[in-house]
């Protein structure tokens, strides 16, 4: 799942992003932390999948425990 997350110094200053997008992991986590339901995120960003959102959560968790 984490292979859906990538970082490129030329995109968003190297922030981790959902692969194939310019949506940063921290942006997705901010939406979730603001109580935006997954369904709304998927509706607003139709190129995202539920697996992408879960990969963001997993990436955030890995960062916190490291």
Foldseek 3Di string as FASTA:
>chain_A
DLVQWAFDCVQPNGAIAGPPDNHHLVNLVVCVVVVNDPVNVCVVVVVDDPVSSVSSVVVVVVVVVD
